[in-house]
Amino acid sequence: MECEEYWEILRSPLTIYSRVTRNEVIFRGMNNMRDREKVKSINFVHGKLVWIYFVIK
Protein backbone atom coordinates (compact mmCIF):
# COMPACT_ATOMS: atom_id res chain seq x y z
CA MET A 1 0.00 0.00 0.00
CA GLU A 2 1.57 3.27 -1.11
CA CYS A 3 0.74 6.61 0.52
CA GLU A 4 0.45 8.13 -2.97
CA GLU A 5 -2.79 6.18 -3.38
CA TYR A 6 -4.36 8.23 -0.61
CA TRP A 7 -2.40 11.49 -0.53
CA GLU A 8 -1.18 14.05 -3.03
CA ILE A 9 1.62 16.36 -1.90
CA LEU A 10 2.06 19.72 -3.63
CA ARG A 11 5.36 21.49 -3.04
CA SER A 12 4.34 25.05 -3.91
CA PRO A 13 2.35 26.11 -2.02
CA LEU A 14 3.02 23.30 0.43
CA THR A 15 -0.26 21.35 0.66
CA ILE A 16 -1.21 17.77 1.50
CA TYR A 17 -4.42 16.67 -0.21
CA SER A 18 -6.44 13.56 0.73
CA ARG A 19 -7.68 11.73 -2.34
CA VAL A 20 -10.24 9.86 -0.18
CA THR A 21 -11.89 12.62 1.88
CA ARG A 22 -10.85 15.60 -0.29
CA ASN A 23 -9.52 17.36 2.83
CA GLU A 24 -6.46 19.57 2.62
CA VAL A 25 -3.67 20.33 5.05
CA ILE A 26 -2.09 23.65 4.12
CA PHE A 27 1.10 25.18 5.47
CA ARG A 28 1.55 28.95 5.66
CA GLY A 29 4.02 31.09 7.54
CA MET A 30 3.02 33.73 10.09
CA ASN A 31 5.30 36.34 11.61
CA ASN A 32 2.92 37.48 14.34
CA MET A 33 -0.62 37.08 15.67
CA ARG A 34 -2.00 39.66 13.20
CA ASP A 35 -0.94 37.45 10.28
CA ARG A 36 -3.52 34.93 11.52
CA GLU A 37 -6.25 37.10 9.97
CA LYS A 38 -4.58 36.77 6.56
CA VAL A 39 -4.59 32.98 6.86
CA LYS A 40 -8.31 33.01 7.71
CA SER A 41 -9.04 34.63 4.34
CA ILE A 42 -7.86 31.56 2.36
CA ASN A 43 -10.71 30.14 0.24
CA PHE A 44 -11.27 26.48 -0.59
CA VAL A 45 -13.11 24.87 -3.49
CA HIS A 46 -14.89 22.52 -1.06
CA GLY A 47 -15.50 23.15 2.64
CA LYS A 48 -14.04 25.81 4.89
CA LEU A 49 -11.09 26.58 7.14
CA VAL A 50 -11.56 24.72 10.40
CA TRP A 51 -8.32 24.84 12.42
CA ILE A 52 -5.37 27.18 12.61
CA TYR A 53 -2.35 25.85 14.49
CA PHE A 54 0.63 28.01 15.22
CA VAL A 55 3.67 28.02 17.48
CA ILE A 56 4.93 31.14 19.23
CA LYS A 57 8.70 31.19 19.66
PDB file of N, CA and C in Angstrom:
ATOM      1  N   MET A   1       0.844  -1.170   0.000  1.00  0.00           N
ATOM      2  CA  MET A   1       0.000   0.000   0.000  1.00  0.00           C
ATOM      3  C   MET A   1       0.898   1.245   0.000  1.00  0.00           C
ATOM      4  N   GLU A   2       0.782   2.054  -0.984  1.00  0.00           N
ATOM      5  CA  GLU A   2       1.569   3.272  -1.112  1.00  0.00           C
ATOM      6  C   GLU A   2       0.772   4.468  -0.605  1.00  0.00           C
ATOM      7  N   CYS A   3       1.449   5.422   0.029  1.00  0.00           N
ATOM      8  CA  CYS A   3       0.742   6.611   0.523  1.00  0.00           C
ATOM      9  C   CYS A   3       0.249   7.478  -0.640  1.00  0.00           C
ATOM     10  N   GLU A   4       0.880   7.347  -1.811  1.00  0.00           N
ATOM     11  CA  GLU A   4       0.452   8.135  -2.965  1.00  0.00           C
ATOM     12  C   GLU A   4      -0.951   7.758  -3.432  1.00  0.00           C
ATOM     13  N   GLU A   5      -1.418   6.567  -3.047  1.00  0.00           N
ATOM     14  CA  GLU A   5      -2.789   6.178  -3.382  1.00  0.00           C
ATOM     15  C   GLU A   5      -3.808   7.038  -2.652  1.00  0.00           C
ATOM     16  N   TYR A   6      -3.430   7.509  -1.471  1.00  0.00           N
ATOM     17  CA  TYR A   6      -4.361   8.232  -0.609  1.00  0.00           C
ATOM     18  C   TYR A   6      -4.063   9.717  -0.490  1.00  0.00           C
ATOM     19  N   TRP A   7      -2.823  10.105  -0.735  1.00  0.00           N
ATOM     20  CA  TRP A   7      -2.402  11.487  -0.528  1.00  0.00           C
ATOM     21  C   TRP A   7      -1.688  12.038  -1.748  1.00  0.00           C
ATOM     22  N   GLU A   8      -1.922  13.311  -2.010  1.00  0.00           N
ATOM     23  CA  GLU A   8      -1.175  14.048  -3.034  1.00  0.00           C
ATOM     24  C   GLU A   8      -0.462  15.181  -2.319  1.00  0.00           C
ATOM     25  N   ILE A   9       0.832  15.326  -2.554  1.00  0.00           N
ATOM     26  CA  ILE A   9       1.621  16.363  -1.898  1.00  0.00           C
ATOM     27  C   ILE A   9       2.058  17.372  -2.953  1.00  0.00           C
ATOM     28  N   LEU A  10       1.651  18.625  -2.750  1.00  0.00           N
ATOM     29  CA  LEU A  10       2.056  19.718  -3.627  1.00  0.00           C
ATOM     30  C   LEU A  10       3.164  20.493  -2.925  1.00  0.00           C
ATOM     31  N   ARG A  11       4.208  20.812  -3.645  1.00  0.00           N
ATOM     32  CA  ARG A  11       5.355  21.490  -3.041  1.00  0.00           C
ATOM     33  C   ARG A  11       5.186  23.000  -2.964  1.00  0.00           C
ATOM     34  N   SER A  12       4.485  23.597  -3.919  1.00  0.00           N
ATOM     35  CA  SER A  12       4.344  25.047  -3.914  1.00  0.00           C
ATOM     36  C   SER A  12       2.941  25.442  -4.352  1.00  0.00           C
ATOM     37  N   PRO A  13       2.135  25.971  -3.459  1.00  0.00           N
ATOM     38  CA  PRO A  13       2.352  26.114  -2.022  1.00  0.00           C
ATOM     39  C   PRO A  13       2.244  24.759  -1.343  1.00  0.00           C
ATOM     40  N   LEU A  14       2.972  24.588  -0.249  1.00  0.00           N
ATOM     41  CA  LEU A  14       3.016  23.298   0.434  1.00  0.00           C
ATOM     42  C   LEU A  14       1.617  22.913   0.918  1.00  0.00           C
ATOM     43  N   THR A  15       1.089  21.821   0.361  1.00  0.00           N
ATOM     44  CA  THR A  15      -0.262  21.350   0.665  1.00  0.00           C
ATOM     45  C   THR A  15      -0.275  19.827   0.596  1.00  0.00           C
ATOM     46  N   ILE A  16      -0.976  19.212   1.540  1.00  0.00           N
ATOM     47  CA  ILE A  16      -1.211  17.771   1.505  1.00  0.00           C
ATOM     48  C   ILE A  16      -2.698  17.577   1.270  1.00  0.00           C
ATOM     49  N   TYR A  17      -3.045  16.824   0.251  1.00  0.00           N
ATOM     50  CA  TYR A  17      -4.420  16.673  -0.209  1.00  0.00           C
ATOM     51  C   TYR A  17      -4.831  15.212  -0.095  1.00  0.00           C
ATOM     52  N   SER A  18      -5.941  14.932   0.596  1.00  0.00           N
ATOM     53  CA  SER A  18      -6.435  13.565   0.729  1.00  0.00           C
ATOM     54  C   SER A  18      -7.285  13.210  -0.479  1.00  0.00           C
ATOM     55  N   ARG A  19      -6.900  12.175  -1.177  1.00  0.00           N
ATOM     56  CA  ARG A  19      -7.680  11.730  -2.335  1.00  0.00           C
ATOM     57  C   ARG A  19      -8.989  11.062  -1.911  1.00  0.00           C
ATOM     58  N   VAL A  20      -9.063  10.568  -0.669  1.00  0.00           N
ATOM     59  CA  VAL A  20     -10.242   9.855  -0.180  1.00  0.00           C
ATOM     60  C   VAL A  20     -11.306  10.827   0.327  1.00  0.00           C
ATOM     61  N   THR A  21     -10.924  11.716   1.244  1.00  0.00           N
ATOM     62  CA  THR A  21     -11.888  12.620   1.883  1.00  0.00           C
ATOM     63  C   THR A  21     -11.943  13.993   1.238  1.00  0.00           C
ATOM     64  N   ARG A  22     -10.978  14.304   0.372  1.00  0.00           N
ATOM     65  CA  ARG A  22     -10.846  15.597  -0.293  1.00  0.00           C
ATOM     66  C   ARG A  22     -10.488  16.713   0.681  1.00  0.00           C
ATOM     67  N   ASN A  23      -9.995  16.360   1.873  1.00  0.00           N
ATOM     68  CA  ASN A  23      -9.517  17.359   2.831  1.00  0.00           C
ATOM     69  C   ASN A  23      -8.126  17.819   2.443  1.00  0.00           C
ATOM     70  N   GLU A  24      -7.772  19.024   2.890  1.00  0.00           N
ATOM     71  CA  GLU A  24      -6.458  19.573   2.623  1.00  0.00           C
ATOM     72  C   GLU A  24      -5.787  19.973   3.923  1.00  0.00           C
ATOM     73  N   VAL A  25      -4.490  19.778   3.982  1.00  0.00           N
ATOM     74  CA  VAL A  25      -3.667  20.331   5.050  1.00  0.00           C
ATOM     75  C   VAL A  25      -2.764  21.338   4.370  1.00  0.00           C
ATOM     76  N   ILE A  26      -2.900  22.610   4.747  1.00  0.00           N
ATOM     77  CA  ILE A  26      -2.089  23.649   4.115  1.00  0.00           C
ATOM     78  C   ILE A  26      -1.087  24.193   5.123  1.00  0.00           C
ATOM     79  N   PHE A  27       0.041  24.642   4.629  1.00  0.00           N
ATOM     80  CA  PHE A  27       1.102  25.178   5.468  1.00  0.00           C
ATOM     81  C   PHE A  27       1.385  26.601   5.012  1.00  0.00           C
ATOM     82  N   ARG A  28       1.267  27.540   5.948  1.00  0.00           N
ATOM     83  CA  ARG A  28       1.549  28.946   5.657  1.00  0.00           C
ATOM     84  C   ARG A  28       2.362  29.519   6.805  1.00  0.00           C
ATOM     85  N   GLY A  29       3.210  30.455   6.506  1.00  0.00           N
ATOM     86  CA  GLY A  29       4.021  31.086   7.543  1.00  0.00           C
ATOM     87  C   GLY A  29       3.324  32.310   8.120  1.00  0.00           C
ATOM     88  N   MET A  30       3.557  32.545   9.407  1.00  0.00           N
ATOM     89  CA  MET A  30       3.022  33.726  10.085  1.00  0.00           C
ATOM     90  C   MET A  30       4.151  34.335  10.910  1.00  0.00           C
ATOM     91  N   ASN A  31       4.278  35.652  10.834  1.00  0.00           N
ATOM     92  CA  ASN A  31       5.304  36.342  11.611  1.00  0.00           C
ATOM     93  C   ASN A  31       4.794  36.798  12.968  1.00  0.00           C
ATOM     94  N   ASN A  32       3.485  37.033  13.079  1.00  0.00           N
ATOM     95  CA  ASN A  32       2.919  37.477  14.345  1.00  0.00           C
ATOM     96  C   ASN A  32       1.432  37.122  14.384  1.00  0.00           C
ATOM     97  N   MET A  33       0.788  37.434  15.489  1.00  0.00           N
ATOM     98  CA  MET A  33      -0.621  37.075  15.668  1.00  0.00           C
ATOM     99  C   MET A  33      -1.528  37.768  14.643  1.00  0.00           C
ATOM    100  N   ARG A  34      -1.163  38.950  14.185  1.00  0.00           N
ATOM    101  CA  ARG A  34      -1.995  39.656  13.205  1.00  0.00           C
ATOM    102  C   ARG A  34      -2.013  38.949  11.855  1.00  0.00           C
ATOM    103  N   ASP A  35      -0.975  38.204  11.540  1.00  0.00           N
ATOM    104  CA  ASP A  35      -0.940  37.451  10.284  1.00  0.00           C
ATOM    105  C   ASP A  35      -1.987  36.345  10.272  1.00  0.00           C
ATOM    106  N   ARG A  36      -2.494  35.961  11.439  1.00  0.00           N
ATOM    107  CA  ARG A  36      -3.523  34.926  11.518  1.00  0.00           C
ATOM    108  C   ARG A  36      -4.760  35.334  10.726  1.00  0.00           C
ATOM    109  N   GLU A  37      -5.088  36.616  10.722  1.00  0.00           N
ATOM    110  CA  GLU A  37      -6.252  37.102   9.971  1.00  0.00           C
ATOM    111  C   GLU A  37      -6.067  36.887   8.474  1.00  0.00           C
ATOM    112  N   LYS A  38      -4.856  37.018   7.978  1.00  0.00           N
ATOM    113  CA  LYS A  38      -4.581  36.772   6.562  1.00  0.00           C
ATOM    114  C   LYS A  38      -4.815  35.306   6.203  1.00  0.00           C
ATOM    115  N   VAL A  39      -4.412  34.410   7.100  1.00  0.00           N
ATOM    116  CA  VAL A  39      -4.594  32.978   6.856  1.00  0.00           C
ATOM    117  C   VAL A  39      -6.079  32.632   6.835  1.00  0.00           C
ATOM    118  N   LYS A  40      -6.876  33.291   7.655  1.00  0.00           N
ATOM    119  CA  LYS A  40      -8.307  33.006   7.711  1.00  0.00           C
ATOM    120  C   LYS A  40      -9.025  33.402   6.421  1.00  0.00           C
ATOM    121  N   SER A  41      -8.399  34.206   5.580  1.00  0.00           N
ATOM    122  CA  SER A  41      -9.036  34.634   4.336  1.00  0.00           C
ATOM    123  C   SER A  41      -8.805  33.661   3.179  1.00  0.00           C
ATOM    124  N   ILE A  42      -8.113  32.551   3.401  1.00  0.00           N
ATOM    125  CA  ILE A  42      -7.864  31.558   2.357  1.00  0.00           C
ATOM    126  C   ILE A  42      -9.175  30.870   2.003  1.00  0.00           C
ATOM    127  N   ASN A  43      -9.477  30.774   0.709  1.00  0.00           N
ATOM    128  CA  ASN A  43     -10.706  30.140   0.240  1.00  0.00           C
ATOM    129  C   ASN A  43     -10.417  28.743  -0.290  1.00  0.00           C
ATOM    130  N   PHE A  44     -11.392  27.853  -0.125  1.00  0.00           N
ATOM    131  CA  PHE A  44     -11.269  26.480  -0.588  1.00  0.00           C
ATOM    132  C   PHE A  44     -12.377  26.176  -1.587  1.00  0.00           C
ATOM    133  N   VAL A  45     -12.114  25.277  -2.512  1.00  0.00           N
ATOM    134  CA  VAL A  45     -13.113  24.866  -3.489  1.00  0.00           C
ATOM    135  C   VAL A  45     -14.255  24.143  -2.782  1.00  0.00           C
ATOM    136  N   HIS A  46     -13.905  23.273  -1.836  1.00  0.00           N
ATOM    137  CA  HIS A  46     -14.894  22.516  -1.060  1.00  0.00           C
ATOM    138  C   HIS A  46     -14.627  22.755   0.422  1.00  0.00           C
ATOM    139  N   GLY A  47     -15.649  23.022   1.201  1.00  0.00           N
ATOM    140  CA  GLY A  47     -15.496  23.148   2.641  1.00  0.00           C
ATOM    141  C   GLY A  47     -15.007  24.510   3.078  1.00  0.00           C
ATOM    142  N   LYS A  48     -14.480  24.551   4.313  1.00  0.00           N
ATOM    143  CA  LYS A  48     -14.038  25.812   4.889  1.00  0.00           C
ATOM    144  C   LYS A  48     -12.852  25.567   5.811  1.00  0.00           C
ATOM    145  N   LEU A  49     -12.205  26.654   6.210  1.00  0.00           N
ATOM    146  CA  LEU A  49     -11.086  26.581   7.137  1.00  0.00           C
ATOM    147  C   LEU A  49     -11.621  26.216   8.516  1.00  0.00           C
ATOM    148  N   VAL A  50     -11.067  25.190   9.110  1.00  0.00           N
ATOM    149  CA  VAL A  50     -11.563  24.716  10.399  1.00  0.00           C
ATOM    150  C   VAL A  50     -10.584  25.014  11.525  1.00  0.00           C
ATOM    151  N   TRP A  51      -9.309  24.675  11.356  1.00  0.00           N
ATOM    152  CA  TRP A  51      -8.323  24.838  12.416  1.00  0.00           C
ATOM    153  C   TRP A  51      -7.156  25.670  11.933  1.00  0.00           C
ATOM    154  N   ILE A  52      -6.632  26.476  12.839  1.00  0.00           N
ATOM    155  CA  ILE A  52      -5.367  27.177  12.613  1.00  0.00           C
ATOM    156  C   ILE A  52      -4.461  26.796  13.761  1.00  0.00           C
ATOM    157  N   TYR A  53      -3.305  26.253  13.473  1.00  0.00           N
ATOM    158  CA  TYR A  53      -2.351  25.853  14.489  1.00  0.00           C
ATOM    159  C   TYR A  53      -1.082  26.661  14.284  1.00  0.00           C
ATOM    160  N   PHE A  54      -0.597  27.271  15.341  1.00  0.00           N
ATOM    161  CA  PHE A  54       0.635  28.013  15.222  1.00  0.00           C
ATOM    162  C   PHE A  54       1.453  27.887  16.499  1.00  0.00           C
ATOM    163  N   VAL A  55       2.745  28.102  16.372  1.00  0.00           N
ATOM    164  CA  VAL A  55       3.675  28.015  17.484  1.00  0.00           C
ATOM    165  C   VAL A  55       4.300  29.376  17.685  1.00  0.00           C
ATOM    166  N   ILE A  56       4.287  29.864  18.899  1.00  0.00           N
ATOM    167  CA  ILE A  56       4.927  31.140  19.228  1.00  0.00           C
ATOM    168  C   ILE A  56       6.312  30.821  19.792  1.00  0.00           C
ATOM    169  N   LYS A  57       7.324  31.425  19.184  1.00  0.00           N
ATOM    170  CA  LYS A  57       8.702  31.193  19.655  1.00  0.00           C
ATOM    171  C   LYS A  57       9.212  32.401  20.384  1.00  0.00           C
TER     172      LYS A  57
END
